[in-house]
Amino acid sequence: MPLDQLPVRSDSAAANMAADFLLLQHYPDPTRARWRHYQWHRPAVTLGYAQKIGEVRQQLGEDAFDLELCRRPTGGGIVDHRNDWTYALVIPAKHELGAARAAESYRAVHQVVANTLNNQDCPAILQPPETIEPAAAGPAVCFARAEPADVIHARSRTKIAGAAQKRSKRGLLFQGSIARSAVGGIDWDQFETEFGESLGELLQKTNAPCPWPEPWDEMVDALAEDYASEAWIERR
């Protein structure tokens, strides 16, 4: 069975988060692994499901008024999407990696990211756990500090990629972000092609482009209304 690669979409922050959640919970065939790369209509920041919106706005300062904010269905910290390469991967619950511990799935997918970057001479490695210092108080900002198994630059030690995960009975949702500024000049079209192929190898499936299921737009639009609401964004 193939790894479904969905077409690239550019959308609002709420619609992007809605689409990722629907890929996890309402994909027509939950036994198929699926992934997508996507873009943003306007400058956006997403926050983890459990983060307090007041602390997030305080951390962002005046930027909070100029950015589209949306709470993710996954955990993690504040992610600035103004210059990133964003993707989502859903691994079915019955797949070995879909049922693995969070640390194991995190490391496995990030190793694919690092290997793909190395193919274009970007020296990427995973952050080793023994170098991690205690986190400061307050909301976590994704690219300000590398966590264990995040992707970092081998020479500068700058964080390149982080992610957040969510598990349900249907599988594992992995929402990942790669900082373009930390990577340097690579061919992102080539990266997308090789990344999809390598994800397929990881999951022992063949990466295969496929169309969005029907009626996808209607489902995304309906859930995006909820994700754009104050009740969702300010729920904590």
C-alpha atoms as a PDB file:
ATOM      1  CA  MET A   1       0.000   0.000   0.000  1.00  0.00           C
ATOM      2  CA  PRO A   2       1.487   3.420  -0.956  1.00  0.00           C
ATOM      3  CA  LEU A   3       2.269   6.506   1.093  1.00  0.00           C
ATOM      4  CA  ASP A   4      -0.253   9.084  -0.155  1.00  0.00           C
ATOM      5  CA  GLN A   5       1.306  12.469  -0.984  1.00  0.00           C
ATOM      6  CA  LEU A   6      -1.418  15.120  -1.120  1.00  0.00           C
ATOM      7  CA  PRO A   7      -1.121  18.211  -3.350  1.00  0.00           C
ATOM      8  CA  VAL A   8       0.422  21.385  -1.947  1.00  0.00           C
ATOM      9  CA  ARG A   9      -2.137  23.876  -0.627  1.00  0.00           C
ATOM     10  CA  SER A  10      -1.741  27.480   0.527  1.00  0.00           C
ATOM     11  CA  ASP A  11      -4.322  28.500   3.090  1.00  0.00           C
ATOM     12  CA  SER A  12      -5.114  30.390   6.278  1.00  0.00           C
ATOM     13  CA  ALA A  13      -3.642  29.198   9.540  1.00  0.00           C
ATOM     14  CA  ALA A  14      -7.040  27.914  10.681  1.00  0.00           C
ATOM     15  CA  ALA A  15      -7.610  26.006   7.438  1.00  0.00           C
ATOM     16  CA  ASN A  16      -4.120  24.511   7.553  1.00  0.00           C
ATOM     17  CA  MET A  17      -4.633  23.255  11.101  1.00  0.00           C
ATOM     18  CA  ALA A  18      -8.084  21.961  10.192  1.00  0.00           C
ATOM     19  CA  ALA A  19      -6.723  20.060   7.188  1.00  0.00           C
ATOM     20  CA  ASP A  20      -4.028  18.409   9.305  1.00  0.00           C
ATOM     21  CA  PHE A  21      -6.557  17.310  11.915  1.00  0.00           C
ATOM     22  CA  LEU A  22      -8.868  15.933   9.223  1.00  0.00           C
ATOM     23  CA  LEU A  23      -5.951  13.993   7.715  1.00  0.00           C
ATOM     24  CA  LEU A  24      -5.671  12.257  11.090  1.00  0.00           C
ATOM     25  CA  GLN A  25      -9.309  11.763  12.016  1.00  0.00           C
ATOM     26  CA  HIS A  26     -11.352  11.699   8.809  1.00  0.00           C
ATOM     27  CA  TYR A  27      -9.178  10.367   5.995  1.00  0.00           C
ATOM     28  CA  PRO A  28     -11.316   7.984   3.892  1.00  0.00           C
ATOM     29  CA  ASP A  29      -8.910   5.062   4.341  1.00  0.00           C
ATOM     30  CA  PRO A  30      -7.267   5.280   7.781  1.00  0.00           C
ATOM     31  CA  THR A  31      -4.993   2.331   6.959  1.00  0.00           C
ATOM     32  CA  ARG A  32      -3.048   4.448   4.424  1.00  0.00           C
ATOM     33  CA  ALA A  33      -0.128   6.609   5.521  1.00  0.00           C
ATOM     34  CA  ARG A  34      -0.412  10.169   4.132  1.00  0.00           C
ATOM     35  CA  TRP A  35       1.574  13.389   4.122  1.00  0.00           C
ATOM     36  CA  ARG A  36       1.555  16.881   2.685  1.00  0.00           C
ATOM     37  CA  HIS A  37       3.684  20.010   2.373  1.00  0.00           C
ATOM     38  CA  TYR A  38       1.743  23.267   2.687  1.00  0.00           C
ATOM     39  CA  GLN A  39       2.052  27.042   2.655  1.00  0.00           C
ATOM     40  CA  TRP A  40       0.452  30.069   4.322  1.00  0.00           C
ATOM     41  CA  HIS A  41      -1.780  32.837   2.941  1.00  0.00           C
ATOM     42  CA  ARG A  42      -0.278  35.416   5.275  1.00  0.00           C
ATOM     43  CA  PRO A  43       2.332  35.644   8.065  1.00  0.00           C
ATOM     44  CA  ALA A  44       1.282  33.165  10.740  1.00  0.00           C
ATOM     45  CA  VAL A  45       2.226  31.689  14.095  1.00  0.00           C
ATOM     46  CA  THR A  46       0.764  28.544  15.601  1.00  0.00           C
ATOM     47  CA  LEU A  47       0.739  27.619  19.272  1.00  0.00           C
ATOM     48  CA  GLY A  48       0.557  24.271  21.001  1.00  0.00           C
ATOM     49  CA  TYR A  49      -2.790  22.898  22.113  1.00  0.00           C
ATOM     50  CA  ALA A  50      -2.032  23.355  25.813  1.00  0.00           C
ATOM     51  CA  GLN A  51      -0.369  26.786  25.669  1.00  0.00           C
ATOM     52  CA  LYS A  52      -1.932  29.816  27.341  1.00  0.00           C
ATOM     53  CA  ILE A  53      -2.811  32.476  24.775  1.00  0.00           C
ATOM     54  CA  GLY A  54      -1.984  35.352  27.150  1.00  0.00           C
ATOM     55  CA  GLU A  55       1.562  34.078  27.632  1.00  0.00           C
ATOM     56  CA  VAL A  56       1.938  33.525  23.892  1.00  0.00           C
ATOM     57  CA  ARG A  57       0.866  37.096  23.096  1.00  0.00           C
ATOM     58  CA  GLN A  58       3.236  38.406  25.747  1.00  0.00           C
ATOM     59  CA  GLN A  59       6.088  36.406  24.214  1.00  0.00           C
ATOM     60  CA  LEU A  60       5.308  37.659  20.690  1.00  0.00           C
ATOM     61  CA  GLY A  61       4.942  41.296  21.783  1.00  0.00           C
ATOM     62  CA  GLU A  62       3.857  43.725  19.071  1.00  0.00           C
ATOM     63  CA  ASP A  63       4.236  40.999  16.442  1.00  0.00           C
ATOM     64  CA  ALA A  64       1.091  39.383  17.826  1.00  0.00           C
ATOM     65  CA  PHE A  65      -1.021  42.120  16.208  1.00  0.00           C
ATOM     66  CA  ASP A  66       0.458  41.534  12.744  1.00  0.00           C
ATOM     67  CA  LEU A  67       0.381  37.745  12.678  1.00  0.00           C
ATOM     68  CA  GLU A  68      -2.393  35.245  12.132  1.00  0.00           C
ATOM     69  CA  LEU A  69      -2.551  33.149  15.291  1.00  0.00           C
ATOM     70  CA  CYS A  70      -4.029  29.673  15.519  1.00  0.00           C
ATOM     71  CA  ARG A  71      -3.919  26.913  18.104  1.00  0.00           C
ATOM     72  CA  ARG A  72      -2.682  23.562  16.780  1.00  0.00           C
ATOM     73  CA  PRO A  73      -4.369  20.219  17.510  1.00  0.00           C
ATOM     74  CA  THR A  74      -0.888  18.993  18.535  1.00  0.00           C
ATOM     75  CA  GLY A  75       1.271  19.994  21.494  1.00  0.00           C
ATOM     76  CA  GLY A  76       4.602  21.777  21.406  1.00  0.00           C
ATOM     77  CA  GLY A  77       5.494  25.454  21.538  1.00  0.00           C
ATOM     78  CA  ILE A  78       5.145  28.628  19.488  1.00  0.00           C
ATOM     79  CA  VAL A  79       6.059  28.092  15.815  1.00  0.00           C
ATOM     80  CA  ASP A  80       6.756  31.055  13.534  1.00  0.00           C
ATOM     81  CA  HIS A  81       5.726  30.127   9.986  1.00  0.00           C
ATOM     82  CA  ARG A  82       6.906  33.302   8.254  1.00  0.00           C
ATOM     83  CA  ASN A  83       9.899  31.565   6.685  1.00  0.00           C
ATOM     84  CA  ASP A  84       9.524  27.842   7.173  1.00  0.00           C
ATOM     85  CA  TRP A  85       8.866  24.695   5.140  1.00  0.00           C
ATOM     86  CA  THR A  86       5.857  23.090   6.755  1.00  0.00           C
ATOM     87  CA  TYR A  87       4.606  19.527   6.466  1.00  0.00           C
ATOM     88  CA  ALA A  88       2.227  17.075   8.109  1.00  0.00           C
ATOM     89  CA  LEU A  89       2.519  13.292   8.220  1.00  0.00           C
ATOM     90  CA  VAL A  90      -0.072  10.816   9.449  1.00  0.00           C
ATOM     91  CA  ILE A  91       1.041   7.269  10.270  1.00  0.00           C
ATOM     92  CA  PRO A  92      -1.766   4.704  10.760  1.00  0.00           C
ATOM     93  CA  ALA A  93      -2.252   3.366  14.271  1.00  0.00           C
ATOM     94  CA  LYS A  94      -1.502  -0.229  13.216  1.00  0.00           C
ATOM     95  CA  HIS A  95       1.841   0.690  11.690  1.00  0.00           C
ATOM     96  CA  GLU A  96       4.815  -0.120  13.912  1.00  0.00           C
ATOM     97  CA  LEU A  97       5.946   3.512  14.018  1.00  0.00           C
ATOM     98  CA  GLY A  98       2.400   4.762  14.539  1.00  0.00           C
ATOM     99  CA  ALA A  99       2.208   2.740  17.746  1.00  0.00           C
ATOM    100  CA  ALA A 100       5.761   3.550  18.874  1.00  0.00           C
ATOM    101  CA  ARG A 101       6.697   5.778  21.793  1.00  0.00           C
ATOM    102  CA  ALA A 102       6.617   9.510  21.000  1.00  0.00           C
ATOM    103  CA  ALA A 103      10.392   9.832  21.337  1.00  0.00           C
ATOM    104  CA  GLU A 104      10.942   6.997  18.857  1.00  0.00           C
ATOM    105  CA  SER A 105       8.623   8.360  16.162  1.00  0.00           C
ATOM    106  CA  TYR A 106      10.033  11.866  16.674  1.00  0.00           C
ATOM    107  CA  ARG A 107      13.591  10.666  16.177  1.00  0.00           C
ATOM    108  CA  ALA A 108      12.736   8.482  13.176  1.00  0.00           C
ATOM    109  CA  VAL A 109      11.013  11.209  11.173  1.00  0.00           C
ATOM    110  CA  HIS A 110      13.627  13.815  12.054  1.00  0.00           C
ATOM    111  CA  GLN A 111      16.372  11.469  10.937  1.00  0.00           C
ATOM    112  CA  VAL A 112      14.678  11.435   7.525  1.00  0.00           C
ATOM    113  CA  VAL A 113      14.691  15.255   7.535  1.00  0.00           C
ATOM    114  CA  ALA A 114      18.390  15.348   8.457  1.00  0.00           C
ATOM    115  CA  ASN A 115      19.365  12.751   5.853  1.00  0.00           C
ATOM    116  CA  THR A 116      17.457  14.590   3.117  1.00  0.00           C
ATOM    117  CA  LEU A 117      19.157  17.875   3.999  1.00  0.00           C
ATOM    118  CA  ASN A 118      22.561  16.190   3.984  1.00  0.00           C
ATOM    119  CA  ASN A 119      21.878  15.035   0.432  1.00  0.00           C
ATOM    120  CA  GLN A 120      22.124  18.725  -0.527  1.00  0.00           C
ATOM    121  CA  ASP A 121      25.240  19.417   1.542  1.00  0.00           C
ATOM    122  CA  CYS A 122      23.430  20.927   4.517  1.00  0.00           C
ATOM    123  CA  PRO A 123      25.225  19.334   7.498  1.00  0.00           C
ATOM    124  CA  ALA A 124      22.252  18.336   9.624  1.00  0.00           C
ATOM    125  CA  ILE A 125      22.291  16.097  12.701  1.00  0.00           C
ATOM    126  CA  LEU A 126      19.912  15.319  15.557  1.00  0.00           C
ATOM    127  CA  GLN A 127      20.235  17.160  18.848  1.00  0.00           C
ATOM    128  CA  PRO A 128      21.699  14.694  21.375  1.00  0.00           C
ATOM    129  CA  PRO A 129      19.861  14.463  24.715  1.00  0.00           C
ATOM    130  CA  GLU A 130      22.907  14.905  26.925  1.00  0.00           C
ATOM    131  CA  THR A 131      23.435  18.524  25.776  1.00  0.00           C
ATOM    132  CA  ILE A 132      19.998  19.780  26.783  1.00  0.00           C
ATOM    133  CA  GLU A 133      19.793  22.365  29.570  1.00  0.00           C
ATOM    134  CA  PRO A 134      16.655  22.984  31.677  1.00  0.00           C
ATOM    135  CA  ALA A 135      14.061  25.096  29.856  1.00  0.00           C
ATOM    136  CA  ALA A 136      13.335  28.637  31.003  1.00  0.00           C
ATOM    137  CA  ALA A 137       9.928  29.501  32.425  1.00  0.00           C
ATOM    138  CA  GLY A 138       7.189  30.697  30.068  1.00  0.00           C
ATOM    139  CA  PRO A 139       5.867  29.539  26.702  1.00  0.00           C
ATOM    140  CA  ALA A 140       8.339  27.629  24.545  1.00  0.00           C
ATOM    141  CA  VAL A 141       9.366  29.173  21.221  1.00  0.00           C
ATOM    142  CA  CYS A 142      10.127  26.372  18.795  1.00  0.00           C
ATOM    143  CA  PHE A 143      13.260  27.627  17.046  1.00  0.00           C
ATOM    144  CA  ALA A 144      14.750  29.399  20.071  1.00  0.00           C
ATOM    145  CA  ARG A 145      15.943  26.161  21.672  1.00  0.00           C
ATOM    146  CA  ALA A 146      16.631  22.657  20.392  1.00  0.00           C
ATOM    147  CA  GLU A 147      15.045  19.710  22.188  1.00  0.00           C
ATOM    148  CA  PRO A 148      16.303  16.100  22.047  1.00  0.00           C
ATOM    149  CA  ALA A 149      16.093  14.697  18.482  1.00  0.00           C
ATOM    150  CA  ASP A 150      15.377  18.083  16.902  1.00  0.00           C
ATOM    151  CA  VAL A 151      17.350  18.659  13.705  1.00  0.00           C
ATOM    152  CA  ILE A 152      20.279  21.059  14.159  1.00  0.00           C
ATOM    153  CA  HIS A 153      23.122  22.387  12.001  1.00  0.00           C
ATOM    154  CA  ALA A 154      26.209  20.270  12.674  1.00  0.00           C
ATOM    155  CA  ARG A 155      28.585  23.243  12.741  1.00  0.00           C
ATOM    156  CA  SER A 156      26.612  26.225  14.047  1.00  0.00           C
ATOM    157  CA  ARG A 157      24.333  24.087  16.304  1.00  0.00           C
ATOM    158  CA  THR A 158      21.424  26.250  15.115  1.00  0.00           C
ATOM    159  CA  LYS A 159      18.064  24.534  15.276  1.00  0.00           C
ATOM    160  CA  ILE A 160      16.783  23.578  11.814  1.00  0.00           C
ATOM    161  CA  ALA A 161      13.620  21.537  12.417  1.00  0.00           C
ATOM    162  CA  GLY A 162      11.138  20.761  15.149  1.00  0.00           C
ATOM    163  CA  ALA A 163       7.728  19.119  15.317  1.00  0.00           C
ATOM    164  CA  ALA A 164       4.678  18.331  17.427  1.00  0.00           C
ATOM    165  CA  GLN A 165       2.708  15.100  17.632  1.00  0.00           C
ATOM    166  CA  LYS A 166      -0.810  13.929  18.407  1.00  0.00           C
ATOM    167  CA  ARG A 167      -2.047  10.370  18.720  1.00  0.00           C
ATOM    168  CA  SER A 168      -5.584   9.071  18.328  1.00  0.00           C
ATOM    169  CA  LYS A 169      -7.180   5.697  17.695  1.00  0.00           C
ATOM    170  CA  ARG A 170      -6.676   6.354  13.985  1.00  0.00           C
ATOM    171  CA  GLY A 171      -2.962   7.041  14.094  1.00  0.00           C
ATOM    172  CA  LEU A 172      -0.199   9.550  14.718  1.00  0.00           C
ATOM    173  CA  LEU A 173      -0.225  13.131  13.413  1.00  0.00           C
ATOM    174  CA  PHE A 174       3.249  14.648  13.022  1.00  0.00           C
ATOM    175  CA  GLN A 175       3.304  18.420  12.288  1.00  0.00           C
ATOM    176  CA  GLY A 176       6.801  19.519  11.297  1.00  0.00           C
ATOM    177  CA  SER A 177       8.488  22.843  10.556  1.00  0.00           C
ATOM    178  CA  ILE A 178      11.881  23.433   8.913  1.00  0.00           C
ATOM    179  CA  ALA A 179      13.531  26.863   9.244  1.00  0.00           C
ATOM    180  CA  ARG A 180      14.608  27.943   5.751  1.00  0.00           C
ATOM    181  CA  SER A 181      17.033  30.535   7.156  1.00  0.00           C
ATOM    182  CA  ALA A 182      18.917  27.871   9.114  1.00  0.00           C
ATOM    183  CA  VAL A 183      19.223  25.584   6.100  1.00  0.00           C
ATOM    184  CA  GLY A 184      20.670  28.000   3.578  1.00  0.00           C
ATOM    185  CA  GLY A 185      20.393  27.725  -0.183  1.00  0.00           C
ATOM    186  CA  ILE A 186      18.972  24.352  -1.201  1.00  0.00           C
ATOM    187  CA  ASP A 187      16.576  23.256  -3.926  1.00  0.00           C
ATOM    188  CA  TRP A 188      13.288  22.908  -2.044  1.00  0.00           C
ATOM    189  CA  ASP A 189      11.562  21.123  -4.922  1.00  0.00           C
ATOM    190  CA  GLN A 190      14.307  18.514  -4.835  1.00  0.00           C
ATOM    191  CA  PHE A 191      13.994  18.355  -1.055  1.00  0.00           C
ATOM    192  CA  GLU A 192      10.249  17.672  -1.318  1.00  0.00           C
ATOM    193  CA  THR A 193      10.773  14.875  -3.823  1.00  0.00           C
ATOM    194  CA  GLU A 194      13.555  13.199  -1.847  1.00  0.00           C
ATOM    195  CA  PHE A 195      11.808  13.719   1.479  1.00  0.00           C
ATOM    196  CA  GLY A 196       8.683  11.959   0.211  1.00  0.00           C
ATOM    197  CA  GLU A 197      10.732   9.075  -1.140  1.00  0.00           C
ATOM    198  CA  SER A 198      12.625   8.749   2.136  1.00  0.00           C
ATOM    199  CA  LEU A 199       9.423   8.839   4.190  1.00  0.00           C
ATOM    200  CA  GLY A 200       8.192   6.003   2.016  1.00  0.00           C
ATOM    201  CA  GLU A 201      11.344   4.027   2.758  1.00  0.00           C
ATOM    202  CA  LEU A 202      10.920   4.686   6.486  1.00  0.00           C
ATOM    203  CA  LEU A 203       7.354   3.388   6.405  1.00  0.00           C
ATOM    204  CA  GLN A 204       8.172   0.624   3.895  1.00  0.00           C
ATOM    205  CA  LYS A 205       5.772   2.120   1.379  1.00  0.00           C
ATOM    206  CA  THR A 206       6.104   3.745  -2.045  1.00  0.00           C
ATOM    207  CA  ASN A 207       5.489   7.503  -2.032  1.00  0.00           C
ATOM    208  CA  ALA A 208       2.735   8.231  -4.557  1.00  0.00           C
ATOM    209  CA  PRO A 209       1.030  11.577  -5.366  1.00  0.00           C
ATOM    210  CA  CYS A 210      -2.743  11.402  -5.032  1.00  0.00           C
ATOM    211  CA  PRO A 211      -5.652  13.888  -5.181  1.00  0.00           C
ATOM    212  CA  TRP A 212      -7.462  15.274  -2.172  1.00  0.00           C
ATOM    213  CA  PRO A 213     -10.461  13.143  -1.191  1.00  0.00           C
ATOM    214  CA  GLU A 214     -14.003  14.359  -1.736  1.00  0.00           C
ATOM    215  CA  PRO A 215     -15.647  16.451  -0.343  1.00  0.00           C
ATOM    216  CA  TRP A 216     -12.456  17.755   1.263  1.00  0.00           C
ATOM    217  CA  ASP A 217     -12.869  21.513   0.822  1.00  0.00           C
ATOM    218  CA  GLU A 218     -16.277  21.512   2.496  1.00  0.00           C
ATOM    219  CA  MET A 219     -14.929  19.579   5.477  1.00  0.00           C
ATOM    220  CA  VAL A 220     -11.915  21.874   5.850  1.00  0.00           C
ATOM    221  CA  ASP A 221     -14.001  25.037   5.570  1.00  0.00           C
ATOM    222  CA  ALA A 222     -16.414  23.839   8.257  1.00  0.00           C
ATOM    223  CA  LEU A 223     -13.694  22.936  10.753  1.00  0.00           C
ATOM    224  CA  ALA A 224     -11.623  26.027   9.911  1.00  0.00           C
ATOM    225  CA  GLU A 225     -14.498  28.203  11.144  1.00  0.00           C
ATOM    226  CA  ASP A 226     -14.115  26.566  14.549  1.00  0.00           C
ATOM    227  CA  TYR A 227     -10.322  26.843  14.480  1.00  0.00           C
ATOM    228  CA  ALA A 228     -10.526  30.549  13.617  1.00  0.00           C
ATOM    229  CA  SER A 229     -12.929  31.271  16.487  1.00  0.00           C
ATOM    230  CA  GLU A 230     -11.979  32.971  19.745  1.00  0.00           C
ATOM    231  CA  ALA A 231     -13.342  29.953  21.596  1.00  0.00           C
ATOM    232  CA  TRP A 232     -10.634  27.762  20.040  1.00  0.00           C
ATOM    233  CA  ILE A 233      -7.720  30.195  19.951  1.00  0.00           C
ATOM    234  CA  GLU A 234      -8.314  31.559  23.462  1.00  0.00           C
ATOM    235  CA  ARG A 235      -9.460  28.362  25.106  1.00  0.00           C
ATOM    236  CA  ARG A 236      -6.513  28.549  27.542  1.00  0.00           C
END
